[in-house]
Amino acid sequence: MKIVFWGTPEFSVPILEALINSDHDVVGVVTQPDRRRSRGNKLIHSPVKTVALENNIPVLTPQNIRQESLIQQKIINLKADLNLVVAFGQILPLLILDSPPLGSWNIHASLLPRWRGAAPIQRAILEGDILTGICIMLMEEGLDTGPILLQKEFPIDVLRNSYQISSDLSSLSATTIIEALELIRTSSHFTKNLVEIYPKLIKQDVVNCDPIYAKRLTKKEFQIDWKRLSEEIHRTIMGLYPAAYTSLNGKRIKLHNSIPLTPSFSTYISNNYDSYIIDYISTSSYPGEILAVIPKLGFIVGTASYPILILNGQMEGRNSVSADILAKQIDLSIGIRFD
């Protein structure tokens, strides 16, 4: 089948590569315009554009696809059998959605209708979900409301951050899309009235789950509140990786990976760390107070409940380092409290 691929970030790349390596024909790629990197003010291609150019695939980069009729017509003139949209970053007009004979399809990184919208992976982690996954759905004008063709579940490992889980779901999507395209290609039921006729499609309103929207992340959410529970702070650090931060003497410090020192993690801690680490579970402290700096490991911080072990982080303008090195860089010692 001839496919126009719409995507922008790293998440989209394995799916595009899977299509390139299949018997399908990617006749065009639509991605976000080049952006200027803060260092050096150099224009940088999106990850998807880089892969497309390496494979000699025509690329279009609209600023706003809904307002650019010339680019819309160029896409329609490619005469694709279908559109495939994976984290493109703009809302497509109905003219584009309806133009291919086999429809426009989207890969969404959640188990719809839970976490429709812009930040499904982060919201799943922040809310403590134990399960996430991907959906391949037929696109409608509504935000992530279309009927589902395929859904694959994926367990959330609480010790993996959002970048790692995003990579997991991207890989899962790359294998699942080939399965989905085969269903689309071999169906003898496909007509323009796709929702009513195609038997594999499941309407979201019959799924046993109320719609929940993954609203855009706000700046305030990235700041760690040490007065929250240990596991909530852990979810903030892991879910908003690599941008969750705290402050010390007015300077911002990003924290990247952590382990809450709670009873529920005691077996994992005992199996992976020196025995004395487990003793901090019963240590009382003030929220944000440094309880220990441990060579070759990290530092332990008090919260409103149990302490939390910080494993990695970085100062502004520096590279990410192990938390014990970070502690030296910012002169952390027992009793110091984060702002």
C-alpha atoms as a PDB file:
ATOM      1  CA  MET A   1       0.000   0.000   0.000  1.00  0.00           C
ATOM      2  CA  LYS A   2       1.030   3.612  -0.580  1.00  0.00           C
ATOM      3  CA  ILE A   3       1.305   5.505   2.695  1.00  0.00           C
ATOM      4  CA  VAL A   4       1.821   9.122   3.730  1.00  0.00           C
ATOM      5  CA  PHE A   5       3.535   9.101   7.125  1.00  0.00           C
ATOM      6  CA  TRP A   6       2.953  11.938   9.584  1.00  0.00           C
ATOM      7  CA  GLY A   7       5.295  12.154  12.590  1.00  0.00           C
ATOM      8  CA  THR A   8       7.956  14.233  14.298  1.00  0.00           C
ATOM      9  CA  PRO A   9       9.787  12.980  17.452  1.00  0.00           C
ATOM     10  CA  GLU A  10      11.988   9.989  18.230  1.00  0.00           C
ATOM     11  CA  PHE A  11       8.904   7.991  19.198  1.00  0.00           C
ATOM     12  CA  SER A  12       7.782   8.006  15.552  1.00  0.00           C
ATOM     13  CA  VAL A  13      11.091   6.852  14.047  1.00  0.00           C
ATOM     14  CA  PRO A  14      10.897   3.058  14.647  1.00  0.00           C
ATOM     15  CA  ILE A  15       7.410   3.006  13.098  1.00  0.00           C
ATOM     16  CA  LEU A  16       8.633   4.848   9.996  1.00  0.00           C
ATOM     17  CA  GLU A  17      11.619   2.514   9.753  1.00  0.00           C
ATOM     18  CA  ALA A  18       9.315  -0.514  10.013  1.00  0.00           C
ATOM     19  CA  LEU A  19       7.286   0.811   7.066  1.00  0.00           C
ATOM     20  CA  ILE A  20      10.420   1.503   5.022  1.00  0.00           C
ATOM     21  CA  ASN A  21      11.602  -2.067   5.618  1.00  0.00           C
ATOM     22  CA  SER A  22       8.223  -3.580   4.735  1.00  0.00           C
ATOM     23  CA  ASP A  23       6.605  -4.156   1.364  1.00  0.00           C
ATOM     24  CA  HIS A  24       4.613  -0.943   1.735  1.00  0.00           C
ATOM     25  CA  ASP A  25       5.560   2.247  -0.097  1.00  0.00           C
ATOM     26  CA  VAL A  26       6.045   5.428   1.944  1.00  0.00           C
ATOM     27  CA  VAL A  27       5.287   8.012  -0.754  1.00  0.00           C
ATOM     28  CA  GLY A  28       5.713  11.038   1.497  1.00  0.00           C
ATOM     29  CA  VAL A  29       6.508  12.203   5.016  1.00  0.00           C
ATOM     30  CA  VAL A  30       4.931  15.185   6.766  1.00  0.00           C
ATOM     31  CA  THR A  31       6.715  16.489   9.839  1.00  0.00           C
ATOM     32  CA  GLN A  32       7.157  19.637  11.915  1.00  0.00           C
ATOM     33  CA  PRO A  33       9.431  22.397  10.533  1.00  0.00           C
ATOM     34  CA  ASP A  34      13.105  22.538  11.468  1.00  0.00           C
ATOM     35  CA  ARG A  35      13.750  24.105  14.872  1.00  0.00           C
ATOM     36  CA  ARG A  36      16.670  26.175  16.079  1.00  0.00           C
ATOM     37  CA  ARG A  37      18.847  24.580  18.728  1.00  0.00           C
ATOM     38  CA  SER A  38      19.530  26.913  21.645  1.00  0.00           C
ATOM     39  CA  ARG A  39      23.259  26.276  21.399  1.00  0.00           C
ATOM     40  CA  GLY A  40      24.703  27.739  18.224  1.00  0.00           C
ATOM     41  CA  ASN A  41      21.308  28.798  16.860  1.00  0.00           C
ATOM     42  CA  LYS A  42      21.529  26.006  14.271  1.00  0.00           C
ATOM     43  CA  LEU A  43      18.455  24.693  12.454  1.00  0.00           C
ATOM     44  CA  ILE A  44      17.818  21.044  13.343  1.00  0.00           C
ATOM     45  CA  HIS A  45      15.688  18.517  11.453  1.00  0.00           C
ATOM     46  CA  SER A  46      13.076  16.543  13.346  1.00  0.00           C
ATOM     47  CA  PRO A  47      14.136  12.902  13.928  1.00  0.00           C
ATOM     48  CA  VAL A  48      11.511  11.784  11.408  1.00  0.00           C
ATOM     49  CA  LYS A  49      12.742  14.194   8.735  1.00  0.00           C
ATOM     50  CA  THR A  50      16.303  12.928   9.187  1.00  0.00           C
ATOM     51  CA  VAL A  51      15.236   9.326   8.524  1.00  0.00           C
ATOM     52  CA  ALA A  52      13.053  10.334   5.578  1.00  0.00           C
ATOM     53  CA  LEU A  53      15.874  12.231   3.876  1.00  0.00           C
ATOM     54  CA  GLU A  54      18.277   9.331   4.452  1.00  0.00           C
ATOM     55  CA  ASN A  55      15.825   7.125   2.551  1.00  0.00           C
ATOM     56  CA  ASN A  56      15.071   9.630  -0.239  1.00  0.00           C
ATOM     57  CA  ILE A  57      11.449  10.082   0.794  1.00  0.00           C
ATOM     58  CA  PRO A  58       9.810  13.430  -0.115  1.00  0.00           C
ATOM     59  CA  VAL A  59       9.283  15.592   2.990  1.00  0.00           C
ATOM     60  CA  LEU A  60       6.757  18.354   3.667  1.00  0.00           C
ATOM     61  CA  THR A  61       7.049  20.627   6.736  1.00  0.00           C
ATOM     62  CA  PRO A  62       3.930  22.770   7.200  1.00  0.00           C
ATOM     63  CA  GLN A  63       3.834  25.404   9.916  1.00  0.00           C
ATOM     64  CA  ASN A  64       0.087  24.818  10.256  1.00  0.00           C
ATOM     65  CA  ILE A  65      -1.369  22.136   8.021  1.00  0.00           C
ATOM     66  CA  ARG A  66      -4.947  23.349   8.577  1.00  0.00           C
ATOM     67  CA  GLN A  67      -4.133  26.715   6.986  1.00  0.00           C
ATOM     68  CA  GLU A  68      -1.806  25.681   4.130  1.00  0.00           C
ATOM     69  CA  SER A  69      -3.963  24.663   1.189  1.00  0.00           C
ATOM     70  CA  LEU A  70      -1.038  24.268  -1.226  1.00  0.00           C
ATOM     71  CA  ILE A  71       0.627  21.667   1.000  1.00  0.00           C
ATOM     72  CA  GLN A  72      -2.739  19.976   1.528  1.00  0.00           C
ATOM     73  CA  GLN A  73      -3.100  19.617  -2.236  1.00  0.00           C
ATOM     74  CA  LYS A  74       0.452  18.276  -2.598  1.00  0.00           C
ATOM     75  CA  ILE A  75      -0.380  15.577  -0.044  1.00  0.00           C
ATOM     76  CA  ILE A  76      -3.626  14.673  -1.799  1.00  0.00           C
ATOM     77  CA  ASN A  77      -1.747  14.500  -5.121  1.00  0.00           C
ATOM     78  CA  LEU A  78       0.486  11.752  -3.687  1.00  0.00           C
ATOM     79  CA  LYS A  79      -2.611   9.511  -4.042  1.00  0.00           C
ATOM     80  CA  ALA A  80      -1.795   7.459  -0.965  1.00  0.00           C
ATOM     81  CA  ASP A  81      -3.998   4.551   0.065  1.00  0.00           C
ATOM     82  CA  LEU A  82      -3.897   5.770   3.658  1.00  0.00           C
ATOM     83  CA  ASN A  83      -2.402   8.262   6.083  1.00  0.00           C
ATOM     84  CA  LEU A  84      -0.562   7.045   9.164  1.00  0.00           C
ATOM     85  CA  VAL A  85      -0.157   9.607  11.960  1.00  0.00           C
ATOM     86  CA  VAL A  86       2.270   9.034  14.845  1.00  0.00           C
ATOM     87  CA  ALA A  87       2.922  12.011  17.144  1.00  0.00           C
ATOM     88  CA  PHE A  88       2.843  14.554  14.326  1.00  0.00           C
ATOM     89  CA  GLY A  89       2.065  17.497  16.599  1.00  0.00           C
ATOM     90  CA  GLN A  90      -0.681  19.271  14.627  1.00  0.00           C
ATOM     91  CA  ILE A  91      -4.404  18.636  14.110  1.00  0.00           C
ATOM     92  CA  LEU A  92      -5.204  17.450  10.590  1.00  0.00           C
ATOM     93  CA  PRO A  93      -8.070  19.017   8.604  1.00  0.00           C
ATOM     94  CA  LEU A  94     -11.030  16.875   7.604  1.00  0.00           C
ATOM     95  CA  LEU A  95     -10.083  17.242   3.923  1.00  0.00           C
ATOM     96  CA  ILE A  96      -6.825  15.365   4.626  1.00  0.00           C
ATOM     97  CA  LEU A  97      -8.414  12.803   6.933  1.00  0.00           C
ATOM     98  CA  ASP A  98     -10.978  11.844   4.314  1.00  0.00           C
ATOM     99  CA  SER A  99      -8.784  11.934   1.194  1.00  0.00           C
ATOM    100  CA  PRO A 100      -7.176   8.429   1.191  1.00  0.00           C
ATOM    101  CA  PRO A 101      -9.506   5.583   0.183  1.00  0.00           C
ATOM    102  CA  LEU A 102      -8.458   3.423   3.144  1.00  0.00           C
ATOM    103  CA  GLY A 103      -8.689   6.171   5.701  1.00  0.00           C
ATOM    104  CA  SER A 104      -6.356   7.979   8.084  1.00  0.00           C
ATOM    105  CA  TRP A 105      -4.973   6.008  11.000  1.00  0.00           C
ATOM    106  CA  ASN A 106      -3.277   7.013  14.225  1.00  0.00           C
ATOM    107  CA  ILE A 107      -1.023   5.258  16.719  1.00  0.00           C
ATOM    108  CA  HIS A 108      -1.714   6.566  20.213  1.00  0.00           C
ATOM    109  CA  ALA A 109       0.377   5.662  23.266  1.00  0.00           C
ATOM    110  CA  SER A 110      -2.358   4.751  25.732  1.00  0.00           C
ATOM    111  CA  LEU A 111      -5.207   2.322  26.244  1.00  0.00           C
ATOM    112  CA  LEU A 112      -7.997   4.493  24.882  1.00  0.00           C
ATOM    113  CA  PRO A 113     -10.282   6.048  25.911  1.00  0.00           C
ATOM    114  CA  ARG A 114      -8.006   6.540  28.928  1.00  0.00           C
ATOM    115  CA  TRP A 115      -5.487   9.319  28.338  1.00  0.00           C
ATOM    116  CA  ARG A 116      -6.673  10.916  25.151  1.00  0.00           C
ATOM    117  CA  GLY A 117      -4.564  13.928  24.257  1.00  0.00           C
ATOM    118  CA  ALA A 118      -1.074  15.349  24.405  1.00  0.00           C
ATOM    119  CA  ALA A 119       0.809  13.607  27.237  1.00  0.00           C
ATOM    120  CA  PRO A 120      -0.513  10.049  27.656  1.00  0.00           C
ATOM    121  CA  ILE A 121       2.720   8.380  28.784  1.00  0.00           C
ATOM    122  CA  GLN A 122       3.569  11.024  31.364  1.00  0.00           C
ATOM    123  CA  ARG A 123       0.020  11.113  32.725  1.00  0.00           C
ATOM    124  CA  ALA A 124      -0.108   7.329  33.086  1.00  0.00           C
ATOM    125  CA  ILE A 125       3.083   7.349  35.150  1.00  0.00           C
ATOM    126  CA  LEU A 126       2.084  10.398  37.223  1.00  0.00           C
ATOM    127  CA  GLU A 127      -1.225   8.772  38.127  1.00  0.00           C
ATOM    128  CA  GLY A 128       0.402   5.488  39.127  1.00  0.00           C
ATOM    129  CA  ASP A 129      -1.177   3.376  36.385  1.00  0.00           C
ATOM    130  CA  ILE A 130       0.128  -0.182  36.341  1.00  0.00           C
ATOM    131  CA  LEU A 131      -0.756  -0.732  32.684  1.00  0.00           C
ATOM    132  CA  THR A 132      -0.400   1.282  29.506  1.00  0.00           C
ATOM    133  CA  GLY A 133      -0.166   0.330  25.853  1.00  0.00           C
ATOM    134  CA  ILE A 134      -0.894   1.486  22.326  1.00  0.00           C
ATOM    135  CA  CYS A 135      -3.978   1.833  20.160  1.00  0.00           C
ATOM    136  CA  ILE A 136      -4.212   1.934  16.393  1.00  0.00           C
ATOM    137  CA  MET A 137      -7.398   3.781  15.534  1.00  0.00           C
ATOM    138  CA  LEU A 138      -9.261   5.219  12.602  1.00  0.00           C
ATOM    139  CA  MET A 139      -9.051   8.991  12.879  1.00  0.00           C
ATOM    140  CA  GLU A 140     -12.034  11.299  13.303  1.00  0.00           C
ATOM    141  CA  GLU A 141     -12.254  15.050  13.790  1.00  0.00           C
ATOM    142  CA  GLY A 142     -12.449  14.588  17.566  1.00  0.00           C
ATOM    143  CA  LEU A 143      -9.310  14.297  19.696  1.00  0.00           C
ATOM    144  CA  ASP A 144      -8.370  10.588  19.844  1.00  0.00           C
ATOM    145  CA  THR A 145     -12.029   9.540  19.646  1.00  0.00           C
ATOM    146  CA  GLY A 146     -11.900   7.194  16.647  1.00  0.00           C
ATOM    147  CA  PRO A 147     -12.766   3.480  16.649  1.00  0.00           C
ATOM    148  CA  ILE A 148      -9.939   1.119  17.561  1.00  0.00           C
ATOM    149  CA  LEU A 149      -8.520  -1.470  15.177  1.00  0.00           C
ATOM    150  CA  LEU A 150      -5.826  -2.950  17.430  1.00  0.00           C
ATOM    151  CA  GLN A 151      -4.857  -2.439  21.049  1.00  0.00           C
ATOM    152  CA  LYS A 152      -1.763  -3.830  22.783  1.00  0.00           C
ATOM    153  CA  GLU A 153      -1.214  -3.679  26.536  1.00  0.00           C
ATOM    154  CA  PHE A 154       2.145  -3.018  28.184  1.00  0.00           C
ATOM    155  CA  PRO A 155       2.933  -3.149  31.928  1.00  0.00           C
ATOM    156  CA  ILE A 156       4.426  -0.048  33.536  1.00  0.00           C
ATOM    157  CA  ASP A 157       7.621  -0.863  35.421  1.00  0.00           C
ATOM    158  CA  VAL A 158       7.722   1.750  38.192  1.00  0.00           C
ATOM    159  CA  LEU A 159      11.526   1.857  38.003  1.00  0.00           C
ATOM    160  CA  ARG A 160      11.549   2.846  34.332  1.00  0.00           C
ATOM    161  CA  ASN A 161      11.216   6.498  33.411  1.00  0.00           C
ATOM    162  CA  SER A 162       8.986   8.054  30.760  1.00  0.00           C
ATOM    163  CA  TYR A 163      11.751   8.062  28.142  1.00  0.00           C
ATOM    164  CA  GLN A 164      12.323   4.316  28.615  1.00  0.00           C
ATOM    165  CA  ILE A 165       8.619   3.496  28.556  1.00  0.00           C
ATOM    166  CA  SER A 166       8.171   5.687  25.477  1.00  0.00           C
ATOM    167  CA  SER A 167      10.922   3.672  23.778  1.00  0.00           C
ATOM    168  CA  ASP A 168       9.173   0.436  24.795  1.00  0.00           C
ATOM    169  CA  LEU A 169       5.858   1.608  23.341  1.00  0.00           C
ATOM    170  CA  SER A 170       7.525   2.853  20.177  1.00  0.00           C
ATOM    171  CA  SER A 171       9.055  -0.588  19.586  1.00  0.00           C
ATOM    172  CA  LEU A 172       5.693  -2.228  20.278  1.00  0.00           C
ATOM    173  CA  SER A 173       4.065   0.141  17.784  1.00  0.00           C
ATOM    174  CA  ALA A 174       6.614  -0.712  15.107  1.00  0.00           C
ATOM    175  CA  THR A 175       5.681  -4.389  15.185  1.00  0.00           C
ATOM    176  CA  THR A 176       1.962  -3.824  15.669  1.00  0.00           C
ATOM    177  CA  ILE A 177       1.572  -1.454  12.724  1.00  0.00           C
ATOM    178  CA  ILE A 178       2.639  -4.163  10.267  1.00  0.00           C
ATOM    179  CA  GLU A 179      -0.056  -6.427  11.717  1.00  0.00           C
ATOM    180  CA  ALA A 180      -2.606  -3.613  11.477  1.00  0.00           C
ATOM    181  CA  LEU A 181      -1.757  -2.772   7.870  1.00  0.00           C
ATOM    182  CA  GLU A 182      -2.189  -6.403   6.908  1.00  0.00           C
ATOM    183  CA  LEU A 183      -5.677  -6.361   8.449  1.00  0.00           C
ATOM    184  CA  ILE A 184      -6.508  -3.246   6.472  1.00  0.00           C
ATOM    185  CA  ARG A 185      -5.077  -4.579   3.214  1.00  0.00           C
ATOM    186  CA  THR A 186      -6.734  -7.996   3.366  1.00  0.00           C
ATOM    187  CA  SER A 187     -10.165  -6.891   4.502  1.00  0.00           C
ATOM    188  CA  SER A 188     -12.796  -7.370   1.834  1.00  0.00           C
ATOM    189  CA  HIS A 189     -15.169  -5.170   3.812  1.00  0.00           C
ATOM    190  CA  PHE A 190     -13.366  -1.867   3.388  1.00  0.00           C
ATOM    191  CA  THR A 191     -15.465   0.952   1.991  1.00  0.00           C
ATOM    192  CA  LYS A 192     -15.717   4.637   2.802  1.00  0.00           C
ATOM    193  CA  ASN A 193     -18.274   3.748   5.492  1.00  0.00           C
ATOM    194  CA  LEU A 194     -15.473   2.203   7.515  1.00  0.00           C
ATOM    195  CA  VAL A 195     -16.895   2.448  11.031  1.00  0.00           C
ATOM    196  CA  GLU A 196     -20.149   0.629  10.326  1.00  0.00           C
ATOM    197  CA  ILE A 197     -18.818  -2.047   7.971  1.00  0.00           C
ATOM    198  CA  TYR A 198     -15.314  -3.033   9.063  1.00  0.00           C
ATOM    199  CA  PRO A 199     -15.857  -5.750  11.708  1.00  0.00           C
ATOM    200  CA  LYS A 200     -12.530  -5.335  13.528  1.00  0.00           C
ATOM    201  CA  LEU A 201     -13.180  -1.734  14.572  1.00  0.00           C
ATOM    202  CA  ILE A 202     -14.317  -1.200  18.165  1.00  0.00           C
ATOM    203  CA  LYS A 203     -16.040   2.065  19.011  1.00  0.00           C
ATOM    204  CA  GLN A 204     -14.560   3.715  22.082  1.00  0.00           C
ATOM    205  CA  ASP A 205     -17.987   4.293  23.622  1.00  0.00           C
ATOM    206  CA  VAL A 206     -18.397   0.536  24.149  1.00  0.00           C
ATOM    207  CA  VAL A 207     -15.066   0.181  25.979  1.00  0.00           C
ATOM    208  CA  ASN A 208     -15.543  -0.288  29.726  1.00  0.00           C
ATOM    209  CA  CYS A 209     -13.684   2.899  30.659  1.00  0.00           C
ATOM    210  CA  ASP A 210     -14.698   6.547  30.844  1.00  0.00           C
ATOM    211  CA  PRO A 211     -12.672   8.942  28.662  1.00  0.00           C
ATOM    212  CA  ILE A 212      -9.854  10.692  30.520  1.00  0.00           C
ATOM    213  CA  TYR A 213      -7.815  13.450  28.899  1.00  0.00           C
ATOM    214  CA  ALA A 214      -4.034  13.694  29.190  1.00  0.00           C
ATOM    215  CA  LYS A 215      -3.887  17.462  29.461  1.00  0.00           C
ATOM    216  CA  ARG A 216      -0.709  19.278  28.520  1.00  0.00           C
ATOM    217  CA  LEU A 217       1.931  19.414  31.213  1.00  0.00           C
ATOM    218  CA  THR A 218       2.313  22.722  33.027  1.00  0.00           C
ATOM    219  CA  LYS A 219       5.568  24.303  34.187  1.00  0.00           C
ATOM    220  CA  LYS A 220       4.470  24.034  37.815  1.00  0.00           C
ATOM    221  CA  GLU A 221       4.177  20.243  37.603  1.00  0.00           C
ATOM    222  CA  PHE A 222       7.904  19.865  36.925  1.00  0.00           C
ATOM    223  CA  GLN A 223       8.896  21.347  40.284  1.00  0.00           C
ATOM    224  CA  ILE A 224       9.258  18.680  42.958  1.00  0.00           C
ATOM    225  CA  ASP A 225       7.182  19.281  46.076  1.00  0.00           C
ATOM    226  CA  TRP A 226       9.017  17.528  48.911  1.00  0.00           C
ATOM    227  CA  LYS A 227       5.898  17.785  51.092  1.00  0.00           C
ATOM    228  CA  ARG A 228       4.252  15.113  48.985  1.00  0.00           C
ATOM    229  CA  LEU A 229       4.477  11.366  49.571  1.00  0.00           C
ATOM    230  CA  SER A 230       7.624   9.500  48.557  1.00  0.00           C
ATOM    231  CA  GLU A 231       5.946   7.468  45.816  1.00  0.00           C
ATOM    232  CA  GLU A 232       4.263  10.585  44.377  1.00  0.00           C
ATOM    233  CA  ILE A 233       7.636  12.341  44.168  1.00  0.00           C
ATOM    234  CA  HIS A 234       9.096   9.236  42.541  1.00  0.00           C
ATOM    235  CA  ARG A 235       6.357   9.295  39.904  1.00  0.00           C
ATOM    236  CA  THR A 236       7.094  12.982  39.244  1.00  0.00           C
ATOM    237  CA  ILE A 237      10.811  12.278  38.733  1.00  0.00           C
ATOM    238  CA  MET A 238      10.220   9.242  36.523  1.00  0.00           C
ATOM    239  CA  GLY A 239       7.141  10.515  34.687  1.00  0.00           C
ATOM    240  CA  LEU A 240       8.595  13.922  33.825  1.00  0.00           C
ATOM    241  CA  TYR A 241      12.086  12.641  32.985  1.00  0.00           C
ATOM    242  CA  PRO A 242      14.463  14.357  32.353  1.00  0.00           C
ATOM    243  CA  ALA A 243      12.961  17.663  33.456  1.00  0.00           C
ATOM    244  CA  ALA A 244      11.635  17.310  37.022  1.00  0.00           C
ATOM    245  CA  TYR A 245      13.604  19.653  39.237  1.00  0.00           C
ATOM    246  CA  THR A 246      14.208  21.002  42.713  1.00  0.00           C
ATOM    247  CA  SER A 247      16.162  24.051  43.908  1.00  0.00           C
ATOM    248  CA  LEU A 248      19.032  24.693  46.292  1.00  0.00           C
ATOM    249  CA  ASN A 249      19.950  28.265  47.199  1.00  0.00           C
ATOM    250  CA  GLY A 250      17.899  29.459  44.259  1.00  0.00           C
ATOM    251  CA  LYS A 251      19.649  27.236  41.705  1.00  0.00           C
ATOM    252  CA  ARG A 252      17.660  24.690  39.713  1.00  0.00           C
ATOM    253  CA  ILE A 253      18.764  21.034  39.909  1.00  0.00           C
ATOM    254  CA  LYS A 254      17.176  18.335  37.753  1.00  0.00           C
ATOM    255  CA  LEU A 255      16.651  14.881  39.270  1.00  0.00           C
ATOM    256  CA  HIS A 256      16.422  11.990  36.836  1.00  0.00           C
ATOM    257  CA  ASN A 257      15.928   8.601  38.456  1.00  0.00           C
ATOM    258  CA  SER A 258      14.879   7.521  41.920  1.00  0.00           C
ATOM    259  CA  ILE A 259      13.726   4.722  44.196  1.00  0.00           C
ATOM    260  CA  PRO A 260      11.226   5.360  46.998  1.00  0.00           C
ATOM    261  CA  LEU A 261      12.488   3.762  50.228  1.00  0.00           C
ATOM    262  CA  THR A 262       9.107   2.368  51.169  1.00  0.00           C
ATOM    263  CA  PRO A 263       8.039  -1.038  52.508  1.00  0.00           C
ATOM    264  CA  SER A 264       6.620  -1.955  49.088  1.00  0.00           C
ATOM    265  CA  PHE A 265      10.120  -1.617  47.616  1.00  0.00           C
ATOM    266  CA  SER A 266      11.936  -3.340  50.485  1.00  0.00           C
ATOM    267  CA  THR A 267      12.498  -6.638  48.654  1.00  0.00           C
ATOM    268  CA  TYR A 268      13.915  -4.867  45.607  1.00  0.00           C
ATOM    269  CA  ILE A 269      16.147  -2.690  47.785  1.00  0.00           C
ATOM    270  CA  SER A 270      17.418  -5.669  49.795  1.00  0.00           C
ATOM    271  CA  ASN A 271      18.197  -7.625  46.614  1.00  0.00           C
ATOM    272  CA  ASN A 272      20.003  -4.794  44.828  1.00  0.00           C
ATOM    273  CA  TYR A 273      21.678  -2.591  47.421  1.00  0.00           C
ATOM    274  CA  ASP A 274      23.771  -2.849  50.567  1.00  0.00           C
ATOM    275  CA  SER A 275      21.773  -3.945  53.589  1.00  0.00           C
ATOM    276  CA  TYR A 276      22.033  -0.623  55.420  1.00  0.00           C
ATOM    277  CA  ILE A 277      20.001   1.173  52.718  1.00  0.00           C
ATOM    278  CA  ILE A 278      16.865  -0.586  53.940  1.00  0.00           C
ATOM    279  CA  ASP A 279      17.329   1.002  57.375  1.00  0.00           C
ATOM    280  CA  TYR A 280      16.422   4.418  55.959  1.00  0.00           C
ATOM    281  CA  ILE A 281      12.826   3.257  55.525  1.00  0.00           C
ATOM    282  CA  SER A 282      12.286   3.947  59.231  1.00  0.00           C
ATOM    283  CA  THR A 283      14.251   7.218  59.329  1.00  0.00           C
ATOM    284  CA  SER A 284      12.274  10.338  60.242  1.00  0.00           C
ATOM    285  CA  SER A 285      13.121  13.636  58.555  1.00  0.00           C
ATOM    286  CA  TYR A 286      11.868  16.961  57.254  1.00  0.00           C
ATOM    287  CA  PRO A 287      10.615  17.128  53.653  1.00  0.00           C
ATOM    288  CA  GLY A 288      13.527  17.988  51.369  1.00  0.00           C
ATOM    289  CA  GLU A 289      16.188  17.233  53.986  1.00  0.00           C
ATOM    290  CA  ILE A 290      19.339  15.354  52.956  1.00  0.00           C
ATOM    291  CA  LEU A 291      19.620  12.191  55.061  1.00  0.00           C
ATOM    292  CA  ALA A 292      22.667  10.621  53.450  1.00  0.00           C
ATOM    293  CA  VAL A 293      25.150  11.000  50.620  1.00  0.00           C
ATOM    294  CA  ILE A 294      26.308   7.558  49.539  1.00  0.00           C
ATOM    295  CA  PRO A 295      29.486   7.150  47.427  1.00  0.00           C
ATOM    296  CA  LYS A 296      28.954   5.485  44.038  1.00  0.00           C
ATOM    297  CA  LEU A 297      25.197   5.483  44.551  1.00  0.00           C
ATOM    298  CA  GLY A 298      23.417   8.766  45.235  1.00  0.00           C
ATOM    299  CA  PHE A 299      21.737  10.674  48.024  1.00  0.00           C
ATOM    300  CA  ILE A 300      18.653  10.159  50.188  1.00  0.00           C
ATOM    301  CA  VAL A 301      16.057  12.888  50.727  1.00  0.00           C
ATOM    302  CA  GLY A 302      13.205  13.153  53.207  1.00  0.00           C
ATOM    303  CA  THR A 303       9.597  13.542  52.073  1.00  0.00           C
ATOM    304  CA  ALA A 304       6.207  13.757  53.758  1.00  0.00           C
ATOM    305  CA  SER A 305       6.283   9.980  54.170  1.00  0.00           C
ATOM    306  CA  TYR A 306       9.238   7.678  53.497  1.00  0.00           C
ATOM    307  CA  PRO A 307      12.632   8.853  52.187  1.00  0.00           C
ATOM    308  CA  ILE A 308      13.588   8.634  48.521  1.00  0.00           C
ATOM    309  CA  LEU A 309      16.903   7.610  46.966  1.00  0.00           C
ATOM    310  CA  ILE A 310      18.031   9.848  44.092  1.00  0.00           C
ATOM    311  CA  LEU A 311      20.212   8.064  41.518  1.00  0.00           C
ATOM    312  CA  ASN A 312      20.945  10.637  38.779  1.00  0.00           C
ATOM    313  CA  GLY A 313      20.626  14.339  38.125  1.00  0.00           C
ATOM    314  CA  GLN A 314      22.244  17.437  36.708  1.00  0.00           C
ATOM    315  CA  MET A 315      22.990  21.070  37.373  1.00  0.00           C
ATOM    316  CA  GLU A 316      21.835  23.636  34.844  1.00  0.00           C
ATOM    317  CA  GLY A 317      24.215  23.744  31.898  1.00  0.00           C
ATOM    318  CA  ARG A 318      25.932  20.490  32.906  1.00  0.00           C
ATOM    319  CA  ASN A 319      25.595  16.883  31.789  1.00  0.00           C
ATOM    320  CA  SER A 320      23.619  14.302  33.715  1.00  0.00           C
ATOM    321  CA  VAL A 321      25.732  12.473  36.310  1.00  0.00           C
ATOM    322  CA  SER A 322      25.238   9.927  39.069  1.00  0.00           C
ATOM    323  CA  ALA A 323      23.673  11.540  42.116  1.00  0.00           C
ATOM    324  CA  ASP A 324      26.733  11.063  44.336  1.00  0.00           C
ATOM    325  CA  ILE A 325      28.768  13.161  41.867  1.00  0.00           C
ATOM    326  CA  LEU A 326      25.929  15.687  41.690  1.00  0.00           C
ATOM    327  CA  ALA A 327      26.045  15.914  45.489  1.00  0.00           C
ATOM    328  CA  LYS A 328      29.707  16.932  45.288  1.00  0.00           C
ATOM    329  CA  GLN A 329      28.996  19.489  42.571  1.00  0.00           C
ATOM    330  CA  ILE A 330      26.366  21.257  44.689  1.00  0.00           C
ATOM    331  CA  ASP A 331      28.043  20.640  48.080  1.00  0.00           C
ATOM    332  CA  LEU A 332      25.273  18.498  49.538  1.00  0.00           C
ATOM    333  CA  SER A 333      25.701  17.202  53.068  1.00  0.00           C
ATOM    334  CA  ILE A 334      23.471  15.695  55.725  1.00  0.00           C
ATOM    335  CA  GLY A 335      20.966  18.174  57.110  1.00  0.00           C
ATOM    336  CA  ILE A 336      20.861  20.502  54.096  1.00  0.00           C
ATOM    337  CA  ARG A 337      17.342  21.050  52.797  1.00  0.00           C
ATOM    338  CA  PHE A 338      16.224  21.673  49.239  1.00  0.00           C
ATOM    339  CA  ASP A 339      14.229  24.878  48.729  1.00  0.00           C
END
